[in-house]
Amino acid sequence: GLAIDLGTTTVVASLLDLTTGTPVGSTTALNSQVKYGADVISRMTYALADPGHQENLQRAIIETLNRMIAVLCGQSRISAGQIYEVALAGNTAMSHFLLGLPIDSLATAPYNAVFSRLPSLPAADLGFKINSHAKIYFSPNIRSFVGGDISAGLIASGLARRDGGYLYVDLGTN
């Protein structure tokens, strides 16, 4: 399985043995979308300027992810066909770009996401070069710009299970 942090600037992917949960390999890459804008707002502006631009953004991130998958498979000496599940966390806009979803509602008030939760999606439908039956699981968006990166962080840190007041800070590009 893969665990992916879909960052605006940097993407991190870890390959895991699903039977033990043991990490098998890890890699990072610059998000190829940076050529269309350094931050989410710049990329949204780019996407809204022309209908084909959003396809460019989607294609760029899928190419980045597939290159990372090839690196991980080479490091661990496994076939991409042996990857059956992907857990993906990214901010709301990055998830929309990856899925090719319209971002109009994110770019204008009241800044609503197209989705908060999604069922698992077939990896092949998104162009992931892994097992043709593999599923992708997206961390849920909490609010418009409180995305899956935050919900995944709250779960991983254990704060989602604690009572009381806590501060969770994500120091990403945006």
C-alpha atoms as a PDB file:
ATOM      1  CA  GLY A   1       0.000   0.000   0.000  1.00  0.00           C
ATOM      2  CA  LEU A   2       0.933   3.631  -0.391  1.00  0.00           C
ATOM      3  CA  ALA A   3       0.535   6.523   2.014  1.00  0.00           C
ATOM      4  CA  ILE A   4       0.730   9.854   0.175  1.00  0.00           C
ATOM      5  CA  ASP A   5       0.998  13.393   1.512  1.00  0.00           C
ATOM      6  CA  LEU A   6      -0.107  15.444  -1.476  1.00  0.00           C
ATOM      7  CA  GLY A   7       1.552  18.749  -0.680  1.00  0.00           C
ATOM      8  CA  THR A   8       1.343  21.933  -2.698  1.00  0.00           C
ATOM      9  CA  THR A   9       5.139  22.108  -3.013  1.00  0.00           C
ATOM     10  CA  THR A  10       6.404  18.705  -1.897  1.00  0.00           C
ATOM     11  CA  VAL A  11       4.801  15.301  -2.286  1.00  0.00           C
ATOM     12  CA  VAL A  12       5.825  12.478   0.062  1.00  0.00           C
ATOM     13  CA  ALA A  13       5.002   8.827  -0.576  1.00  0.00           C
ATOM     14  CA  SER A  14       5.676   5.829   1.636  1.00  0.00           C
ATOM     15  CA  LEU A  15       5.319   2.224   0.584  1.00  0.00           C
ATOM     16  CA  LEU A  16       3.966  -0.033   3.323  1.00  0.00           C
ATOM     17  CA  ASP A  17       3.614  -3.776   3.796  1.00  0.00           C
ATOM     18  CA  LEU A  18      -0.140  -4.019   4.380  1.00  0.00           C
ATOM     19  CA  THR A  19       0.126  -7.233   6.383  1.00  0.00           C
ATOM     20  CA  THR A  20       2.472  -5.729   9.003  1.00  0.00           C
ATOM     21  CA  GLY A  21       2.172  -1.964   8.530  1.00  0.00           C
ATOM     22  CA  THR A  22       5.956  -1.833   8.183  1.00  0.00           C
ATOM     23  CA  PRO A  23       7.362   0.900   5.935  1.00  0.00           C
ATOM     24  CA  VAL A  24       9.193  -0.586   2.949  1.00  0.00           C
ATOM     25  CA  GLY A  25      10.365   2.632   1.318  1.00  0.00           C
ATOM     26  CA  SER A  26       9.819   6.359   1.129  1.00  0.00           C
ATOM     27  CA  THR A  27      10.442   9.107  -1.401  1.00  0.00           C
ATOM     28  CA  THR A  28       9.766  12.800  -1.887  1.00  0.00           C
ATOM     29  CA  ALA A  29       9.374  14.885  -5.018  1.00  0.00           C
ATOM     30  CA  LEU A  30       8.674  18.437  -6.025  1.00  0.00           C
ATOM     31  CA  ASN A  31       5.025  18.746  -7.048  1.00  0.00           C
ATOM     32  CA  SER A  32       5.161  19.211 -10.842  1.00  0.00           C
ATOM     33  CA  GLN A  33       2.254  21.665 -10.621  1.00  0.00           C
ATOM     34  CA  VAL A  34       4.666  24.367  -9.420  1.00  0.00           C
ATOM     35  CA  LYS A  35       5.229  25.368 -13.055  1.00  0.00           C
ATOM     36  CA  TYR A  36       1.594  26.567 -13.035  1.00  0.00           C
ATOM     37  CA  GLY A  37       1.877  28.476  -9.757  1.00  0.00           C
ATOM     38  CA  ALA A  38       3.804  28.304  -6.504  1.00  0.00           C
ATOM     39  CA  ASP A  39       0.716  28.231  -4.287  1.00  0.00           C
ATOM     40  CA  VAL A  40      -2.914  27.109  -4.354  1.00  0.00           C
ATOM     41  CA  ILE A  41      -4.323  30.560  -5.175  1.00  0.00           C
ATOM     42  CA  SER A  42      -2.001  30.933  -8.186  1.00  0.00           C
ATOM     43  CA  ARG A  43      -2.996  27.482  -9.424  1.00  0.00           C
ATOM     44  CA  MET A  44      -6.688  28.243  -8.963  1.00  0.00           C
ATOM     45  CA  THR A  45      -6.257  31.444 -10.979  1.00  0.00           C
ATOM     46  CA  TYR A  46      -4.474  29.438 -13.668  1.00  0.00           C
ATOM     47  CA  ALA A  47      -7.189  26.741 -13.684  1.00  0.00           C
ATOM     48  CA  LEU A  48     -10.002  29.271 -13.960  1.00  0.00           C
ATOM     49  CA  ALA A  49      -8.380  31.111 -16.881  1.00  0.00           C
ATOM     50  CA  ASP A  50      -8.996  28.268 -19.351  1.00  0.00           C
ATOM     51  CA  PRO A  51     -10.863  24.935 -19.139  1.00  0.00           C
ATOM     52  CA  GLY A  52      -7.801  23.019 -20.387  1.00  0.00           C
ATOM     53  CA  HIS A  53      -5.625  24.376 -17.615  1.00  0.00           C
ATOM     54  CA  GLN A  54      -7.243  22.228 -14.956  1.00  0.00           C
ATOM     55  CA  GLU A  55      -6.415  19.154 -17.048  1.00  0.00           C
ATOM     56  CA  ASN A  56      -2.775  20.312 -17.084  1.00  0.00           C
ATOM     57  CA  LEU A  57      -2.800  20.503 -13.296  1.00  0.00           C
ATOM     58  CA  GLN A  58      -4.335  17.047 -12.975  1.00  0.00           C
ATOM     59  CA  ARG A  59      -1.919  15.508 -15.476  1.00  0.00           C
ATOM     60  CA  ALA A  60       1.089  17.099 -13.733  1.00  0.00           C
ATOM     61  CA  ILE A  61       0.297  15.667 -10.309  1.00  0.00           C
ATOM     62  CA  ILE A  62      -0.533  12.214 -11.679  1.00  0.00           C
ATOM     63  CA  GLU A  63       2.807  12.197 -13.530  1.00  0.00           C
ATOM     64  CA  THR A  64       4.570  13.167 -10.289  1.00  0.00           C
ATOM     65  CA  LEU A  65       2.847  10.366  -8.380  1.00  0.00           C
ATOM     66  CA  ASN A  66       3.558   7.742 -11.036  1.00  0.00           C
ATOM     67  CA  ARG A  67       7.260   8.691 -11.085  1.00  0.00           C
ATOM     68  CA  MET A  68       7.327   8.326  -7.290  1.00  0.00           C
ATOM     69  CA  ILE A  69       5.618   4.930  -7.512  1.00  0.00           C
ATOM     70  CA  ALA A  70       8.287   3.778  -9.991  1.00  0.00           C
ATOM     71  CA  VAL A  71      11.047   4.944  -7.609  1.00  0.00           C
ATOM     72  CA  LEU A  72       9.465   3.139  -4.650  1.00  0.00           C
ATOM     73  CA  CYS A  73       9.009  -0.063  -6.636  1.00  0.00           C
ATOM     74  CA  GLY A  74      12.628   0.087  -7.765  1.00  0.00           C
ATOM     75  CA  GLN A  75      13.873   0.672  -4.202  1.00  0.00           C
ATOM     76  CA  SER A  76      11.865  -2.202  -2.769  1.00  0.00           C
ATOM     77  CA  ARG A  77      12.085  -4.525  -5.766  1.00  0.00           C
ATOM     78  CA  ILE A  78       8.353  -5.046  -6.009  1.00  0.00           C
ATOM     79  CA  SER A  79       6.053  -4.732  -8.972  1.00  0.00           C
ATOM     80  CA  ALA A  80       3.625  -1.809  -9.130  1.00  0.00           C
ATOM     81  CA  GLY A  81       0.956  -4.471  -9.615  1.00  0.00           C
ATOM     82  CA  GLN A  82       1.524  -5.495  -5.990  1.00  0.00           C
ATOM     83  CA  ILE A  83       0.197  -2.151  -4.733  1.00  0.00           C
ATOM     84  CA  TYR A  84      -3.477  -2.579  -3.815  1.00  0.00           C
ATOM     85  CA  GLU A  85      -4.378   0.424  -1.676  1.00  0.00           C
ATOM     86  CA  VAL A  86      -3.519   4.122  -1.494  1.00  0.00           C
ATOM     87  CA  ALA A  87      -4.295   6.426   1.432  1.00  0.00           C
ATOM     88  CA  LEU A  88      -4.010  10.011   0.248  1.00  0.00           C
ATOM     89  CA  ALA A  89      -4.080  13.244   2.246  1.00  0.00           C
ATOM     90  CA  GLY A  90      -3.913  16.680   0.697  1.00  0.00           C
ATOM     91  CA  ASN A  91      -5.405  20.095   1.172  1.00  0.00           C
ATOM     92  CA  THR A  92      -8.820  20.655  -0.350  1.00  0.00           C
ATOM     93  CA  ALA A  93      -7.570  22.324  -3.527  1.00  0.00           C
ATOM     94  CA  MET A  94      -4.870  19.711  -4.162  1.00  0.00           C
ATOM     95  CA  SER A  95      -7.439  16.919  -3.844  1.00  0.00           C
ATOM     96  CA  HIS A  96      -9.734  18.736  -6.272  1.00  0.00           C
ATOM     97  CA  PHE A  97      -6.876  19.203  -8.758  1.00  0.00           C
ATOM     98  CA  LEU A  98      -5.930  15.510  -8.564  1.00  0.00           C
ATOM     99  CA  LEU A  99      -9.517  14.398  -9.095  1.00  0.00           C
ATOM    100  CA  GLY A 100     -10.132  16.896 -11.907  1.00  0.00           C
ATOM    101  CA  LEU A 101     -13.047  18.400  -9.977  1.00  0.00           C
ATOM    102  CA  PRO A 102     -14.227  21.959 -10.645  1.00  0.00           C
ATOM    103  CA  ILE A 103     -12.628  24.494  -8.345  1.00  0.00           C
ATOM    104  CA  ASP A 104     -14.983  27.407  -9.074  1.00  0.00           C
ATOM    105  CA  SER A 105     -16.788  26.965  -5.754  1.00  0.00           C
ATOM    106  CA  LEU A 106     -13.460  26.929  -3.880  1.00  0.00           C
ATOM    107  CA  ALA A 107     -12.264  30.106  -5.571  1.00  0.00           C
ATOM    108  CA  THR A 108     -15.262  32.297  -4.708  1.00  0.00           C
ATOM    109  CA  ALA A 109     -17.229  33.005  -1.528  1.00  0.00           C
ATOM    110  CA  PRO A 110     -18.525  31.090   0.363  1.00  0.00           C
ATOM    111  CA  TYR A 111     -15.569  28.838  -0.657  1.00  0.00           C
ATOM    112  CA  ASN A 112     -17.250  25.433  -0.687  1.00  0.00           C
ATOM    113  CA  ALA A 113     -15.549  22.181  -1.598  1.00  0.00           C
ATOM    114  CA  VAL A 114     -17.225  19.838  -4.078  1.00  0.00           C
ATOM    115  CA  PHE A 115     -16.855  17.021  -1.524  1.00  0.00           C
ATOM    116  CA  SER A 116     -16.093  16.474   2.107  1.00  0.00           C
ATOM    117  CA  ARG A 117     -15.983  12.656   2.034  1.00  0.00           C
ATOM    118  CA  LEU A 118     -15.565  10.250  -0.842  1.00  0.00           C
ATOM    119  CA  PRO A 119     -15.976   6.508  -1.188  1.00  0.00           C
ATOM    120  CA  SER A 120     -12.862   4.630  -2.285  1.00  0.00           C
ATOM    121  CA  LEU A 121     -12.055   5.256  -5.928  1.00  0.00           C
ATOM    122  CA  PRO A 122     -10.483   2.902  -8.480  1.00  0.00           C
ATOM    123  CA  ALA A 123      -6.827   3.880  -8.909  1.00  0.00           C
ATOM    124  CA  ALA A 124      -6.975   2.993 -12.609  1.00  0.00           C
ATOM    125  CA  ASP A 125      -9.662   5.648 -13.183  1.00  0.00           C
ATOM    126  CA  LEU A 126      -7.240   8.327 -12.015  1.00  0.00           C
ATOM    127  CA  GLY A 127      -4.288   7.020 -14.024  1.00  0.00           C
ATOM    128  CA  PHE A 128      -2.268   5.547 -11.161  1.00  0.00           C
ATOM    129  CA  LYS A 129       0.124   2.933 -12.534  1.00  0.00           C
ATOM    130  CA  ILE A 130      -0.467   0.300  -9.849  1.00  0.00           C
ATOM    131  CA  ASN A 131      -2.662  -2.799  -9.577  1.00  0.00           C
ATOM    132  CA  SER A 132      -5.677  -2.321 -11.848  1.00  0.00           C
ATOM    133  CA  HIS A 133      -8.009  -3.223  -8.961  1.00  0.00           C
ATOM    134  CA  ALA A 134      -6.342  -0.949  -6.406  1.00  0.00           C
ATOM    135  CA  LYS A 135      -8.432   1.542  -4.436  1.00  0.00           C
ATOM    136  CA  ILE A 136      -7.635   5.100  -3.399  1.00  0.00           C
ATOM    137  CA  TYR A 137      -8.901   6.450  -0.093  1.00  0.00           C
ATOM    138  CA  PHE A 138      -8.964  10.230   0.390  1.00  0.00           C
ATOM    139  CA  SER A 139      -8.774  11.759   3.866  1.00  0.00           C
ATOM    140  CA  PRO A 140     -11.952  13.813   4.362  1.00  0.00           C
ATOM    141  CA  ASN A 141     -12.109  17.580   4.071  1.00  0.00           C
ATOM    142  CA  ILE A 142     -13.335  19.182   7.283  1.00  0.00           C
ATOM    143  CA  ARG A 143     -14.258  22.554   5.747  1.00  0.00           C
ATOM    144  CA  SER A 144     -13.458  24.494   2.592  1.00  0.00           C
ATOM    145  CA  PHE A 145      -9.785  25.065   3.330  1.00  0.00           C
ATOM    146  CA  VAL A 146      -9.388  22.638   6.200  1.00  0.00           C
ATOM    147  CA  GLY A 147      -8.655  19.604   4.101  1.00  0.00           C
ATOM    148  CA  GLY A 148      -7.593  16.015   4.238  1.00  0.00           C
ATOM    149  CA  ASP A 149      -4.072  16.991   5.241  1.00  0.00           C
ATOM    150  CA  ILE A 150      -5.451  18.398   8.493  1.00  0.00           C
ATOM    151  CA  SER A 151      -7.880  15.531   9.155  1.00  0.00           C
ATOM    152  CA  ALA A 152      -5.093  12.990   8.566  1.00  0.00           C
ATOM    153  CA  GLY A 153      -2.774  14.940  10.883  1.00  0.00           C
ATOM    154  CA  LEU A 154      -5.384  15.062  13.631  1.00  0.00           C
ATOM    155  CA  ILE A 155      -5.826  11.298  13.437  1.00  0.00           C
ATOM    156  CA  ALA A 156      -2.087  10.538  13.196  1.00  0.00           C
ATOM    157  CA  SER A 157      -1.255  12.817  16.144  1.00  0.00           C
ATOM    158  CA  GLY A 158      -3.970  11.265  18.306  1.00  0.00           C
ATOM    159  CA  LEU A 159      -5.627  14.641  18.950  1.00  0.00           C
ATOM    160  CA  ALA A 160      -8.875  13.452  17.375  1.00  0.00           C
ATOM    161  CA  ARG A 161      -9.284  11.006  20.275  1.00  0.00           C
ATOM    162  CA  ARG A 162      -8.447  13.396  23.132  1.00  0.00           C
ATOM    163  CA  ASP A 163     -10.652  15.594  25.236  1.00  0.00           C
ATOM    164  CA  GLY A 164      -9.731  19.184  25.943  1.00  0.00           C
ATOM    165  CA  GLY A 165      -8.275  22.007  23.939  1.00  0.00           C
ATOM    166  CA  TYR A 166      -5.267  21.513  21.680  1.00  0.00           C
ATOM    167  CA  LEU A 167      -3.606  23.371  18.847  1.00  0.00           C
ATOM    168  CA  TYR A 168      -2.677  21.511  15.691  1.00  0.00           C
ATOM    169  CA  VAL A 169      -0.610  23.522  13.185  1.00  0.00           C
ATOM    170  CA  ASP A 170       0.169  22.539   9.600  1.00  0.00           C
ATOM    171  CA  LEU A 171       3.069  24.617   8.305  1.00  0.00           C
ATOM    172  CA  GLY A 172       2.614  23.957   4.594  1.00  0.00           C
ATOM    173  CA  THR A 173       3.085  26.190   1.584  1.00  0.00           C
ATOM    174  CA  ASN A 174      -0.330  27.785   1.945  1.00  0.00           C
END
